[in-house]
Amino acid sequence: MVVSSAAAYRAPADAIGYSTVKAAQIQMVRCLANDLAKDRIRVNCISPGFIATPYQDNKSPAFMKNLVENRIPLHKIGEVDEVAHLLLALAANGYVTGQSVVIDGGLNMSYR
């Protein structure tokens, strides 16, 4: 299992290196899954968006309020346990490989 980022699907300002590397991880997962399928080894990826971790502490309260109220359709920041549940579900499913699942409250589908 690889952890990428929802930023791999967007073009956030001032994050060219981060977003590029995260997008490359997703392609790496697809290639590894293809190469290792013959050995029945599955490779998947989760791509979290804004999750309640200390990493978010450097964001201003105004930024976070705008994000939750105007950009994330579910109007909430994700929780660590929600990411863990997704990871466990992917690990338990023996028929999923080469996939990246975005967990971001709908931010990537939103044009707000």
PDB file of N, CA and C in Angstrom:
ATOM      1  N   MET A   1       0.847  -1.169   0.000  1.00  0.00           N
ATOM      2  CA  MET A   1       0.000   0.000   0.000  1.00  0.00           C
ATOM      3  C   MET A   1       0.895   1.235   0.000  1.00  0.00           C
ATOM      4  N   VAL A   2       0.557   2.179  -0.840  1.00  0.00           N
ATOM      5  CA  VAL A   2       1.300   3.430  -0.954  1.00  0.00           C
ATOM      6  C   VAL A   2       0.365   4.563  -0.547  1.00  0.00           C
ATOM      7  N   VAL A   3       0.893   5.551   0.140  1.00  0.00           N
ATOM      8  CA  VAL A   3       0.115   6.740   0.472  1.00  0.00           C
ATOM      9  C   VAL A   3       0.623   7.880  -0.393  1.00  0.00           C
ATOM     10  N   SER A   4      -0.242   8.376  -1.252  1.00  0.00           N
ATOM     11  CA  SER A   4       0.066   9.513  -2.105  1.00  0.00           C
ATOM     12  C   SER A   4      -0.634  10.731  -1.516  1.00  0.00           C
ATOM     13  N   SER A   5      -1.299  11.507  -2.334  1.00  0.00           N
ATOM     14  CA  SER A   5      -2.013  12.693  -1.872  1.00  0.00           C
ATOM     15  C   SER A   5      -3.037  13.095  -2.915  1.00  0.00           C
ATOM     16  N   ALA A   6      -4.124  13.675  -2.449  1.00  0.00           N
ATOM     17  CA  ALA A   6      -5.114  14.219  -3.371  1.00  0.00           C
ATOM     18  C   ALA A   6      -4.503  15.339  -4.208  1.00  0.00           C
ATOM     19  N   ALA A   7      -3.397  15.918  -3.750  1.00  0.00           N
ATOM     20  CA  ALA A   7      -2.718  16.958  -4.516  1.00  0.00           C
ATOM     21  C   ALA A   7      -2.191  16.429  -5.850  1.00  0.00           C
ATOM     22  N   ALA A   8      -2.070  15.115  -5.981  1.00  0.00           N
ATOM     23  CA  ALA A   8      -1.637  14.529  -7.248  1.00  0.00           C
ATOM     24  C   ALA A   8      -2.651  14.778  -8.354  1.00  0.00           C
ATOM     25  N   TYR A   9      -3.893  15.065  -7.985  1.00  0.00           N
ATOM     26  CA  TYR A   9      -4.973  15.262  -8.946  1.00  0.00           C
ATOM     27  C   TYR A   9      -5.308  16.731  -9.175  1.00  0.00           C
ATOM     28  N   ARG A  10      -4.646  17.615  -8.435  1.00  0.00           N
ATOM     29  CA  ARG A  10      -4.884  19.048  -8.577  1.00  0.00           C
ATOM     30  C   ARG A  10      -3.567  19.706  -8.961  1.00  0.00           C
ATOM     31  N   ALA A  11      -3.608  20.996  -9.093  1.00  0.00           N
ATOM     32  CA  ALA A  11      -2.392  21.766  -9.365  1.00  0.00           C
ATOM     33  C   ALA A  11      -2.282  22.886  -8.333  1.00  0.00           C
ATOM     34  N   PRO A  12      -2.011  22.516  -7.072  1.00  0.00           N
ATOM     35  CA  PRO A  12      -1.951  23.556  -6.044  1.00  0.00           C
ATOM     36  C   PRO A  12      -0.789  24.522  -6.278  1.00  0.00           C
ATOM     37  N   ALA A  13      -1.037  25.773  -5.991  1.00  0.00           N
ATOM     38  CA  ALA A  13      -0.007  26.796  -6.162  1.00  0.00           C
ATOM     39  C   ALA A  13       1.200  26.491  -5.276  1.00  0.00           C
ATOM     40  N   ASP A  14       2.367  26.766  -5.802  1.00  0.00           N
ATOM     41  CA  ASP A  14       3.624  26.630  -5.061  1.00  0.00           C
ATOM     42  C   ASP A  14       3.885  25.213  -4.556  1.00  0.00           C
ATOM     43  N   ALA A  15       3.396  24.212  -5.276  1.00  0.00           N
ATOM     44  CA  ALA A  15       3.588  22.821  -4.840  1.00  0.00           C
ATOM     45  C   ALA A  15       3.966  21.920  -6.011  1.00  0.00           C
ATOM     46  N   ILE A  16       4.721  22.440  -6.956  1.00  0.00           N
ATOM     47  CA  ILE A  16       5.035  21.666  -8.161  1.00  0.00           C
ATOM     48  C   ILE A  16       5.803  20.386  -7.828  1.00  0.00           C
ATOM     49  N   GLY A  17       6.773  20.464  -6.953  1.00  0.00           N
ATOM     50  CA  GLY A  17       7.549  19.277  -6.599  1.00  0.00           C
ATOM     51  C   GLY A  17       6.706  18.244  -5.870  1.00  0.00           C
ATOM     52  N   TYR A  18       5.972  18.702  -4.871  1.00  0.00           N
ATOM     53  CA  TYR A  18       5.133  17.804  -4.077  1.00  0.00           C
ATOM     54  C   TYR A  18       4.088  17.120  -4.951  1.00  0.00           C
ATOM     55  N   SER A  19       3.355  17.898  -5.729  1.00  0.00           N
ATOM     56  CA  SER A  19       2.288  17.339  -6.563  1.00  0.00           C
ATOM     57  C   SER A  19       2.830  16.392  -7.623  1.00  0.00           C
ATOM     58  N   THR A  20       3.974  16.731  -8.193  1.00  0.00           N
ATOM     59  CA  THR A  20       4.583  15.878  -9.216  1.00  0.00           C
ATOM     60  C   THR A  20       5.004  14.528  -8.639  1.00  0.00           C
ATOM     61  N   VAL A  21       5.630  14.551  -7.481  1.00  0.00           N
ATOM     62  CA  VAL A  21       6.057  13.304  -6.836  1.00  0.00           C
ATOM     63  C   VAL A  21       4.848  12.454  -6.459  1.00  0.00           C
ATOM     64  N   LYS A  22       3.801  13.078  -5.938  1.00  0.00           N
ATOM     65  CA  LYS A  22       2.606  12.328  -5.549  1.00  0.00           C
ATOM     66  C   LYS A  22       1.920  11.719  -6.764  1.00  0.00           C
ATOM     67  N   ALA A  23       1.891  12.429  -7.884  1.00  0.00           N
ATOM     68  CA  ALA A  23       1.331  11.871  -9.119  1.00  0.00           C
ATOM     69  C   ALA A  23       2.194  10.713  -9.631  1.00  0.00           C
ATOM     70  N   ALA A  24       3.499  10.850  -9.492  1.00  0.00           N
ATOM     71  CA  ALA A  24       4.408   9.768  -9.909  1.00  0.00           C
ATOM     72  C   ALA A  24       4.193   8.516  -9.066  1.00  0.00           C
ATOM     73  N   GLN A  25       3.891   8.687  -7.787  1.00  0.00           N
ATOM     74  CA  GLN A  25       3.617   7.524  -6.932  1.00  0.00           C
ATOM     75  C   GLN A  25       2.423   6.730  -7.463  1.00  0.00           C
ATOM     76  N   ILE A  26       1.407   7.429  -7.928  1.00  0.00           N
ATOM     77  CA  ILE A  26       0.219   6.758  -8.440  1.00  0.00           C
ATOM     78  C   ILE A  26       0.563   5.937  -9.682  1.00  0.00           C
ATOM     79  N   GLN A  27       1.357   6.489 -10.570  1.00  0.00           N
ATOM     80  CA  GLN A  27       1.771   5.734 -11.757  1.00  0.00           C
ATOM     81  C   GLN A  27       2.676   4.567 -11.369  1.00  0.00           C
ATOM     82  N   MET A  28       3.534   4.765 -10.370  1.00  0.00           N
ATOM     83  CA  MET A  28       4.379   3.673  -9.878  1.00  0.00           C
ATOM     84  C   MET A  28       3.524   2.523  -9.364  1.00  0.00           C
ATOM     85  N   VAL A  29       2.453   2.845  -8.629  1.00  0.00           N
ATOM     86  CA  VAL A  29       1.547   1.817  -8.113  1.00  0.00           C
ATOM     87  C   VAL A  29       0.946   1.026  -9.267  1.00  0.00           C
ATOM     88  N   ARG A  30       0.513   1.712 -10.304  1.00  0.00           N
ATOM     89  CA  ARG A  30      -0.081   1.031 -11.459  1.00  0.00           C
ATOM     90  C   ARG A  30       0.935   0.102 -12.126  1.00  0.00           C
ATOM     91  N   CYS A  31       2.152   0.575 -12.296  1.00  0.00           N
ATOM     92  CA  CYS A  31       3.194  -0.246 -12.926  1.00  0.00           C
ATOM     93  C   CYS A  31       3.559  -1.441 -12.046  1.00  0.00           C
ATOM     94  N   LEU A  32       3.736  -1.203 -10.750  1.00  0.00           N
ATOM     95  CA  LEU A  32       4.055  -2.303  -9.842  1.00  0.00           C
ATOM     96  C   LEU A  32       2.929  -3.332  -9.807  1.00  0.00           C
ATOM     97  N   ALA A  33       1.690  -2.856  -9.762  1.00  0.00           N
ATOM     98  CA  ALA A  33       0.552  -3.777  -9.740  1.00  0.00           C
ATOM     99  C   ALA A  33       0.536  -4.648 -10.991  1.00  0.00           C
ATOM    100  N   ASN A  34       0.837  -4.048 -12.114  1.00  0.00           N
ATOM    101  CA  ASN A  34       0.876  -4.801 -13.369  1.00  0.00           C
ATOM    102  C   ASN A  34       2.017  -5.815 -13.359  1.00  0.00           C
ATOM    103  N   ASP A  35       3.175  -5.390 -12.920  1.00  0.00           N
ATOM    104  CA  ASP A  35       4.342  -6.287 -12.903  1.00  0.00           C
ATOM    105  C   ASP A  35       4.191  -7.423 -11.892  1.00  0.00           C
ATOM    106  N   LEU A  36       3.555  -7.164 -10.759  1.00  0.00           N
ATOM    107  CA  LEU A  36       3.486  -8.144  -9.679  1.00  0.00           C
ATOM    108  C   LEU A  36       2.217  -8.996  -9.685  1.00  0.00           C
ATOM    109  N   ALA A  37       1.277  -8.679 -10.563  1.00  0.00           N
ATOM    110  CA  ALA A  37       0.019  -9.431 -10.603  1.00  0.00           C
ATOM    111  C   ALA A  37       0.245 -10.913 -10.882  1.00  0.00           C
ATOM    112  N   LYS A  38       1.247 -11.218 -11.689  1.00  0.00           N
ATOM    113  CA  LYS A  38       1.527 -12.634 -12.007  1.00  0.00           C
ATOM    114  C   LYS A  38       1.859 -13.433 -10.747  1.00  0.00           C
ATOM    115  N   ASP A  39       2.355 -12.756  -9.719  1.00  0.00           N
ATOM    116  CA  ASP A  39       2.670 -13.394  -8.440  1.00  0.00           C
ATOM    117  C   ASP A  39       1.545 -13.197  -7.415  1.00  0.00           C
ATOM    118  N   ARG A  40       0.419 -12.669  -7.895  1.00  0.00           N
ATOM    119  CA  ARG A  40      -0.761 -12.427  -7.062  1.00  0.00           C
ATOM    120  C   ARG A  40      -0.466 -11.433  -5.926  1.00  0.00           C
ATOM    121  N   ILE A  41       0.460 -10.528  -6.210  1.00  0.00           N
ATOM    122  CA  ILE A  41       0.763  -9.447  -5.267  1.00  0.00           C
ATOM    123  C   ILE A  41      -0.005  -8.221  -5.725  1.00  0.00           C
ATOM    124  N   ARG A  42      -0.786  -7.676  -4.813  1.00  0.00           N
ATOM    125  CA  ARG A  42      -1.582  -6.497  -5.122  1.00  0.00           C
ATOM    126  C   ARG A  42      -0.880  -5.239  -4.619  1.00  0.00           C
ATOM    127  N   VAL A  43      -1.006  -4.169  -5.385  1.00  0.00           N
ATOM    128  CA  VAL A  43      -0.433  -2.881  -5.001  1.00  0.00           C
ATOM    129  C   VAL A  43      -1.499  -1.816  -5.222  1.00  0.00           C
ATOM    130  N   ASN A  44      -1.810  -1.076  -4.177  1.00  0.00           N
ATOM    131  CA  ASN A  44      -2.807  -0.020  -4.252  1.00  0.00           C
ATOM    132  C   ASN A  44      -2.299   1.229  -3.557  1.00  0.00           C
ATOM    133  N   CYS A  45      -3.081   2.283  -3.669  1.00  0.00           N
ATOM    134  CA  CYS A  45      -2.674   3.576  -3.154  1.00  0.00           C
ATOM    135  C   CYS A  45      -3.890   4.289  -2.568  1.00  0.00           C
ATOM    136  N   ILE A  46      -3.680   5.004  -1.497  1.00  0.00           N
ATOM    137  CA  ILE A  46      -4.703   5.920  -1.020  1.00  0.00           C
ATOM    138  C   ILE A  46      -4.148   7.336  -1.154  1.00  0.00           C
ATOM    139  N   SER A  47      -5.032   8.256  -1.484  1.00  0.00           N
ATOM    140  CA  SER A  47      -4.633   9.642  -1.722  1.00  0.00           C
ATOM    141  C   SER A  47      -5.473  10.572  -0.856  1.00  0.00           C
ATOM    142  N   PRO A  48      -5.022  10.825   0.371  1.00  0.00           N
ATOM    143  CA  PRO A  48      -5.790  11.686   1.266  1.00  0.00           C
ATOM    144  C   PRO A  48      -5.715  13.160   0.880  1.00  0.00           C
ATOM    145  N   GLY A  49      -6.790  13.861   1.210  1.00  0.00           N
ATOM    146  CA  GLY A  49      -6.810  15.314   1.106  1.00  0.00           C
ATOM    147  C   GLY A  49      -6.483  15.902   2.465  1.00  0.00           C
ATOM    148  N   PHE A  50      -7.274  16.860   2.897  1.00  0.00           N
ATOM    149  CA  PHE A  50      -7.034  17.497   4.194  1.00  0.00           C
ATOM    150  C   PHE A  50      -7.526  16.581   5.313  1.00  0.00           C
ATOM    151  N   ILE A  51      -6.596  16.092   6.102  1.00  0.00           N
ATOM    152  CA  ILE A  51      -6.875  15.192   7.209  1.00  0.00           C
ATOM    153  C   ILE A  51      -6.405  15.879   8.496  1.00  0.00           C
ATOM    154  N   ALA A  52      -7.153  15.708   9.563  1.00  0.00           N
ATOM    155  CA  ALA A  52      -6.832  16.350  10.847  1.00  0.00           C
ATOM    156  C   ALA A  52      -5.562  15.743  11.432  1.00  0.00           C
ATOM    157  N   THR A  53      -4.436  16.335  11.083  1.00  0.00           N
ATOM    158  CA  THR A  53      -3.123  15.928  11.592  1.00  0.00           C
ATOM    159  C   THR A  53      -2.343  17.195  11.958  1.00  0.00           C
ATOM    160  N   PRO A  54      -1.231  17.055  12.658  1.00  0.00           N
ATOM    161  CA  PRO A  54      -0.424  18.238  12.980  1.00  0.00           C
ATOM    162  C   PRO A  54       0.053  19.006  11.737  1.00  0.00           C
ATOM    163  N   TYR A  55       0.101  18.345  10.585  1.00  0.00           N
ATOM    164  CA  TYR A  55       0.507  19.026   9.341  1.00  0.00           C
ATOM    165  C   TYR A  55      -0.408  20.214   9.049  1.00  0.00           C
ATOM    166  N   GLN A  56      -1.669  20.099   9.426  1.00  0.00           N
ATOM    167  CA  GLN A  56      -2.628  21.177   9.149  1.00  0.00           C
ATOM    168  C   GLN A  56      -2.469  22.353  10.115  1.00  0.00           C
ATOM    169  N   ASP A  57      -1.682  22.184  11.168  1.00  0.00           N
ATOM    170  CA  ASP A  57      -1.540  23.238  12.167  1.00  0.00           C
ATOM    171  C   ASP A  57      -0.928  24.517  11.610  1.00  0.00           C
ATOM    172  N   ASN A  58      -0.192  24.428  10.504  1.00  0.00           N
ATOM    173  CA  ASN A  58       0.429  25.621   9.936  1.00  0.00           C
ATOM    174  C   ASN A  58      -0.523  26.404   9.030  1.00  0.00           C
ATOM    175  N   LYS A  59      -1.735  25.887   8.825  1.00  0.00           N
ATOM    176  CA  LYS A  59      -2.737  26.589   8.017  1.00  0.00           C
ATOM    177  C   LYS A  59      -3.476  27.585   8.916  1.00  0.00           C
ATOM    178  N   SER A  60      -3.774  28.744   8.369  1.00  0.00           N
ATOM    179  CA  SER A  60      -4.478  29.760   9.161  1.00  0.00           C
ATOM    180  C   SER A  60      -5.917  29.331   9.419  1.00  0.00           C
ATOM    181  N   PRO A  61      -6.478  29.793  10.530  1.00  0.00           N
ATOM    182  CA  PRO A  61      -7.892  29.499  10.799  1.00  0.00           C
ATOM    183  C   PRO A  61      -8.801  29.980   9.662  1.00  0.00           C
ATOM    184  N   ALA A  62      -8.487  31.105   9.056  1.00  0.00           N
ATOM    185  CA  ALA A  62      -9.298  31.620   7.942  1.00  0.00           C
ATOM    186  C   ALA A  62      -9.228  30.686   6.733  1.00  0.00           C
ATOM    187  N   PHE A  63      -8.038  30.175   6.452  1.00  0.00           N
ATOM    188  CA  PHE A  63      -7.881  29.227   5.339  1.00  0.00           C
ATOM    189  C   PHE A  63      -8.709  27.976   5.591  1.00  0.00           C
ATOM    190  N   MET A  64      -8.598  27.423   6.789  1.00  0.00           N
ATOM    191  CA  MET A  64      -9.318  26.192   7.115  1.00  0.00           C
ATOM    192  C   MET A  64     -10.829  26.412   7.099  1.00  0.00           C
ATOM    193  N   LYS A  65     -11.282  27.543   7.602  1.00  0.00           N
ATOM    194  CA  LYS A  65     -12.718  27.841   7.597  1.00  0.00           C
ATOM    195  C   LYS A  65     -13.231  27.928   6.170  1.00  0.00           C
ATOM    196  N   ASN A  66     -12.521  28.638   5.309  1.00  0.00           N
ATOM    197  CA  ASN A  66     -12.916  28.749   3.906  1.00  0.00           C
ATOM    198  C   ASN A  66     -12.913  27.384   3.224  1.00  0.00           C
ATOM    199  N   LEU A  67     -11.902  26.592   3.506  1.00  0.00           N
ATOM    200  CA  LEU A  67     -11.789  25.258   2.929  1.00  0.00           C
ATOM    201  C   LEU A  67     -13.013  24.413   3.273  1.00  0.00           C
ATOM    202  N   VAL A  68     -13.346  24.364   4.547  1.00  0.00           N
ATOM    203  CA  VAL A  68     -14.463  23.528   5.013  1.00  0.00           C
ATOM    204  C   VAL A  68     -15.804  24.080   4.519  1.00  0.00           C
ATOM    205  N   GLU A  69     -15.988  25.376   4.594  1.00  0.00           N
ATOM    206  CA  GLU A  69     -17.289  25.949   4.245  1.00  0.00           C
ATOM    207  C   GLU A  69     -17.523  26.072   2.745  1.00  0.00           C
ATOM    208  N   ASN A  70     -16.455  26.294   1.969  1.00  0.00           N
ATOM    209  CA  ASN A  70     -16.645  26.633   0.559  1.00  0.00           C
ATOM    210  C   ASN A  70     -16.025  25.685  -0.456  1.00  0.00           C
ATOM    211  N   ARG A  71     -15.106  24.828  -0.046  1.00  0.00           N
ATOM    212  CA  ARG A  71     -14.411  24.006  -1.040  1.00  0.00           C
ATOM    213  C   ARG A  71     -14.641  22.512  -0.887  1.00  0.00           C
ATOM    214  N   ILE A  72     -14.805  22.034   0.342  1.00  0.00           N
ATOM    215  CA  ILE A  72     -15.010  20.602   0.567  1.00  0.00           C
ATOM    216  C   ILE A  72     -16.518  20.333   0.617  1.00  0.00           C
ATOM    217  N   PRO A  73     -17.058  19.604  -0.356  1.00  0.00           N
ATOM    218  CA  PRO A  73     -18.504  19.372  -0.382  1.00  0.00           C
ATOM    219  C   PRO A  73     -19.072  18.733   0.881  1.00  0.00           C
ATOM    220  N   LEU A  74     -18.323  17.885   1.575  1.00  0.00           N
ATOM    221  CA  LEU A  74     -18.832  17.284   2.811  1.00  0.00           C
ATOM    222  C   LEU A  74     -18.701  18.226   4.010  1.00  0.00           C
ATOM    223  N   HIS A  75     -18.077  19.402   3.813  1.00  0.00           N
ATOM    224  CA  HIS A  75     -17.954  20.442   4.841  1.00  0.00           C
ATOM    225  C   HIS A  75     -17.310  19.947   6.120  1.00  0.00           C
ATOM    226  N   LYS A  76     -16.243  19.159   5.978  1.00  0.00           N
ATOM    227  CA  LYS A  76     -15.503  18.695   7.153  1.00  0.00           C
ATOM    228  C   LYS A  76     -14.092  18.311   6.734  1.00  0.00           C
ATOM    229  N   ILE A  77     -13.193  18.342   7.699  1.00  0.00           N
ATOM    230  CA  ILE A  77     -11.839  17.841   7.509  1.00  0.00           C
ATOM    231  C   ILE A  77     -11.880  16.347   7.819  1.00  0.00           C
ATOM    232  N   GLY A  78     -11.146  15.555   7.063  1.00  0.00           N
ATOM    233  CA  GLY A  78     -11.112  14.114   7.299  1.00  0.00           C
ATOM    234  C   GLY A  78     -10.414  13.762   8.598  1.00  0.00           C
ATOM    235  N   GLU A  79     -10.752  12.613   9.113  1.00  0.00           N
ATOM    236  CA  GLU A  79     -10.140  12.109  10.342  1.00  0.00           C
ATOM    237  C   GLU A  79      -9.182  10.971  10.010  1.00  0.00           C
ATOM    238  N   VAL A  80      -8.161  10.815  10.838  1.00  0.00           N
ATOM    239  CA  VAL A  80      -7.163   9.769  10.638  1.00  0.00           C
ATOM    240  C   VAL A  80      -7.812   8.391  10.586  1.00  0.00           C
ATOM    241  N   ASP A  81      -8.813   8.160  11.447  1.00  0.00           N
ATOM    242  CA  ASP A  81      -9.443   6.837  11.458  1.00  0.00           C
ATOM    243  C   ASP A  81     -10.210   6.561  10.163  1.00  0.00           C
ATOM    244  N   GLU A  82     -10.697   7.597   9.490  1.00  0.00           N
ATOM    245  CA  GLU A  82     -11.365   7.400   8.196  1.00  0.00           C
ATOM    246  C   GLU A  82     -10.371   6.921   7.146  1.00  0.00           C
ATOM    247  N   VAL A  83      -9.172   7.459   7.187  1.00  0.00           N
ATOM    248  CA  VAL A  83      -8.118   7.012   6.274  1.00  0.00           C
ATOM    249  C   VAL A  83      -7.726   5.575   6.613  1.00  0.00           C
ATOM    250  N   ALA A  84      -7.598   5.282   7.888  1.00  0.00           N
ATOM    251  CA  ALA A  84      -7.232   3.923   8.314  1.00  0.00           C
ATOM    252  C   ALA A  84      -8.278   2.900   7.881  1.00  0.00           C
ATOM    253  N   HIS A  85      -9.549   3.249   7.990  1.00  0.00           N
ATOM    254  CA  HIS A  85     -10.614   2.324   7.578  1.00  0.00           C
ATOM    255  C   HIS A  85     -10.534   2.042   6.074  1.00  0.00           C
ATOM    256  N   LEU A  86     -10.246   3.069   5.289  1.00  0.00           N
ATOM    257  CA  LEU A  86     -10.100   2.867   3.845  1.00  0.00           C
ATOM    258  C   LEU A  86      -8.908   1.962   3.548  1.00  0.00           C
ATOM    259  N   LEU A  87      -7.807   2.211   4.221  1.00  0.00           N
ATOM    260  CA  LEU A  87      -6.613   1.387   4.032  1.00  0.00           C
ATOM    261  C   LEU A  87      -6.912  -0.077   4.352  1.00  0.00           C
ATOM    262  N   LEU A  88      -7.594  -0.319   5.461  1.00  0.00           N
ATOM    263  CA  LEU A  88      -7.937  -1.688   5.846  1.00  0.00           C
ATOM    264  C   LEU A  88      -8.886  -2.331   4.840  1.00  0.00           C
ATOM    265  N   ALA A  89      -9.837  -1.576   4.330  1.00  0.00           N
ATOM    266  CA  ALA A  89     -10.774  -2.113   3.343  1.00  0.00           C
ATOM    267  C   ALA A  89     -10.045  -2.512   2.066  1.00  0.00           C
ATOM    268  N   LEU A  90      -9.123  -1.686   1.607  1.00  0.00           N
ATOM    269  CA  LEU A  90      -8.356  -2.038   0.412  1.00  0.00           C
ATOM    270  C   LEU A  90      -7.471  -3.251   0.657  1.00  0.00           C
ATOM    271  N   ALA A  91      -6.863  -3.305   1.831  1.00  0.00           N
ATOM    272  CA  ALA A  91      -5.995  -4.447   2.149  1.00  0.00           C
ATOM    273  C   ALA A  91      -6.788  -5.745   2.226  1.00  0.00           C
ATOM    274  N   ALA A  92      -8.033  -5.668   2.679  1.00  0.00           N
ATOM    275  CA  ALA A  92      -8.854  -6.870   2.845  1.00  0.00           C
ATOM    276  C   ALA A  92      -9.461  -7.370   1.539  1.00  0.00           C
ATOM    277  N   ASN A  93      -9.548  -6.508   0.553  1.00  0.00           N
ATOM    278  CA  ASN A  93     -10.187  -6.886  -0.709  1.00  0.00           C
ATOM    279  C   ASN A  93      -9.150  -7.476  -1.655  1.00  0.00           C
ATOM    280  N   GLY A  94      -9.254  -8.763  -1.903  1.00  0.00           N
ATOM    281  CA  GLY A  94      -8.269  -9.460  -2.718  1.00  0.00           C
ATOM    282  C   GLY A  94      -8.397  -9.267  -4.219  1.00  0.00           C
ATOM    283  N   TYR A  95      -9.357  -8.452  -4.666  1.00  0.00           N
ATOM    284  CA  TYR A  95      -9.570  -8.289  -6.099  1.00  0.00           C
ATOM    285  C   TYR A  95      -9.306  -6.862  -6.574  1.00  0.00           C
ATOM    286  N   VAL A  96      -8.741  -6.037  -5.716  1.00  0.00           N
ATOM    287  CA  VAL A  96      -8.432  -4.658  -6.081  1.00  0.00           C
ATOM    288  C   VAL A  96      -6.923  -4.519  -6.181  1.00  0.00           C
ATOM    289  N   THR A  97      -6.461  -4.062  -7.345  1.00  0.00           N
ATOM    290  CA  THR A  97      -5.033  -3.806  -7.523  1.00  0.00           C
ATOM    291  C   THR A  97      -4.839  -2.705  -8.560  1.00  0.00           C
ATOM    292  N   GLY A  98      -3.772  -1.951  -8.384  1.00  0.00           N
ATOM    293  CA  GLY A  98      -3.434  -0.882  -9.320  1.00  0.00           C
ATOM    294  C   GLY A  98      -4.301   0.354  -9.188  1.00  0.00           C
ATOM    295  N   GLN A  99      -4.958   0.511  -8.050  1.00  0.00           N
ATOM    296  CA  GLN A  99      -5.899   1.613  -7.883  1.00  0.00           C
ATOM    297  C   GLN A  99      -5.382   2.650  -6.897  1.00  0.00           C
ATOM    298  N   SER A 100      -5.807   3.879  -7.126  1.00  0.00           N
ATOM    299  CA  SER A 100      -5.588   4.956  -6.169  1.00  0.00           C
ATOM    300  C   SER A 100      -6.952   5.488  -5.784  1.00  0.00           C
ATOM    301  N   VAL A 101      -7.249   5.439  -4.505  1.00  0.00           N
ATOM    302  CA  VAL A 101      -8.539   5.907  -4.013  1.00  0.00           C
ATOM    303  C   VAL A 101      -8.322   7.238  -3.293  1.00  0.00           C
ATOM    304  N   VAL A 102      -9.033   8.253  -3.760  1.00  0.00           N
ATOM    305  CA  VAL A 102      -8.943   9.579  -3.161  1.00  0.00           C
ATOM    306  C   VAL A 102      -9.912   9.657  -1.991  1.00  0.00           C
ATOM    307  N   ILE A 103      -9.426  10.159  -0.867  1.00  0.00           N
ATOM    308  CA  ILE A 103     -10.268  10.360   0.314  1.00  0.00           C
ATOM    309  C   ILE A 103     -10.092  11.815   0.741  1.00  0.00           C
ATOM    310  N   ASP A 104     -10.993  12.668   0.227  1.00  0.00           N
ATOM    311  CA  ASP A 104     -10.839  14.112   0.440  1.00  0.00           C
ATOM    312  C   ASP A 104     -12.148  14.861   0.639  1.00  0.00           C
ATOM    313  N   GLY A 105     -13.202  14.155   0.996  1.00  0.00           N
ATOM    314  CA  GLY A 105     -14.483  14.823   1.228  1.00  0.00           C
ATOM    315  C   GLY A 105     -15.114  15.403  -0.016  1.00  0.00           C
ATOM    316  N   GLY A 106     -14.587  15.036  -1.181  1.00  0.00           N
ATOM    317  CA  GLY A 106     -15.123  15.534  -2.447  1.00  0.00           C
ATOM    318  C   GLY A 106     -14.397  16.745  -3.003  1.00  0.00           C
ATOM    319  N   LEU A 107     -13.312  17.169  -2.355  1.00  0.00           N
ATOM    320  CA  LEU A 107     -12.594  18.369  -2.800  1.00  0.00           C
ATOM    321  C   LEU A 107     -12.178  18.283  -4.258  1.00  0.00           C
ATOM    322  N   ASN A 108     -11.681  17.133  -4.707  1.00  0.00           N
ATOM    323  CA  ASN A 108     -11.217  17.022  -6.093  1.00  0.00           C
ATOM    324  C   ASN A 108     -12.330  17.118  -7.118  1.00  0.00           C
ATOM    325  N   MET A 109     -13.553  16.822  -6.739  1.00  0.00           N
ATOM    326  CA  MET A 109     -14.642  16.918  -7.701  1.00  0.00           C
ATOM    327  C   MET A 109     -15.292  18.293  -7.667  1.00  0.00           C
ATOM    328  N   SER A 110     -14.899  19.108  -6.726  1.00  0.00           N
ATOM    329  CA  SER A 110     -15.528  20.405  -6.513  1.00  0.00           C
ATOM    330  C   SER A 110     -14.836  21.484  -7.327  1.00  0.00           C
ATOM    331  N   TYR A 111     -15.639  22.368  -7.887  1.00  0.00           N
ATOM    332  CA  TYR A 111     -15.097  23.531  -8.617  1.00  0.00           C
ATOM    333  C   TYR A 111     -15.283  24.807  -7.816  1.00  0.00           C
ATOM    334  N   ARG A 112     -15.568  24.657  -6.539  1.00  0.00           N
ATOM    335  CA  ARG A 112     -15.783  25.839  -5.704  1.00  0.00           C
ATOM    336  C   ARG A 112     -14.480  26.462  -5.329  1.00  0.00           C
TER     337      ARG A 112
END
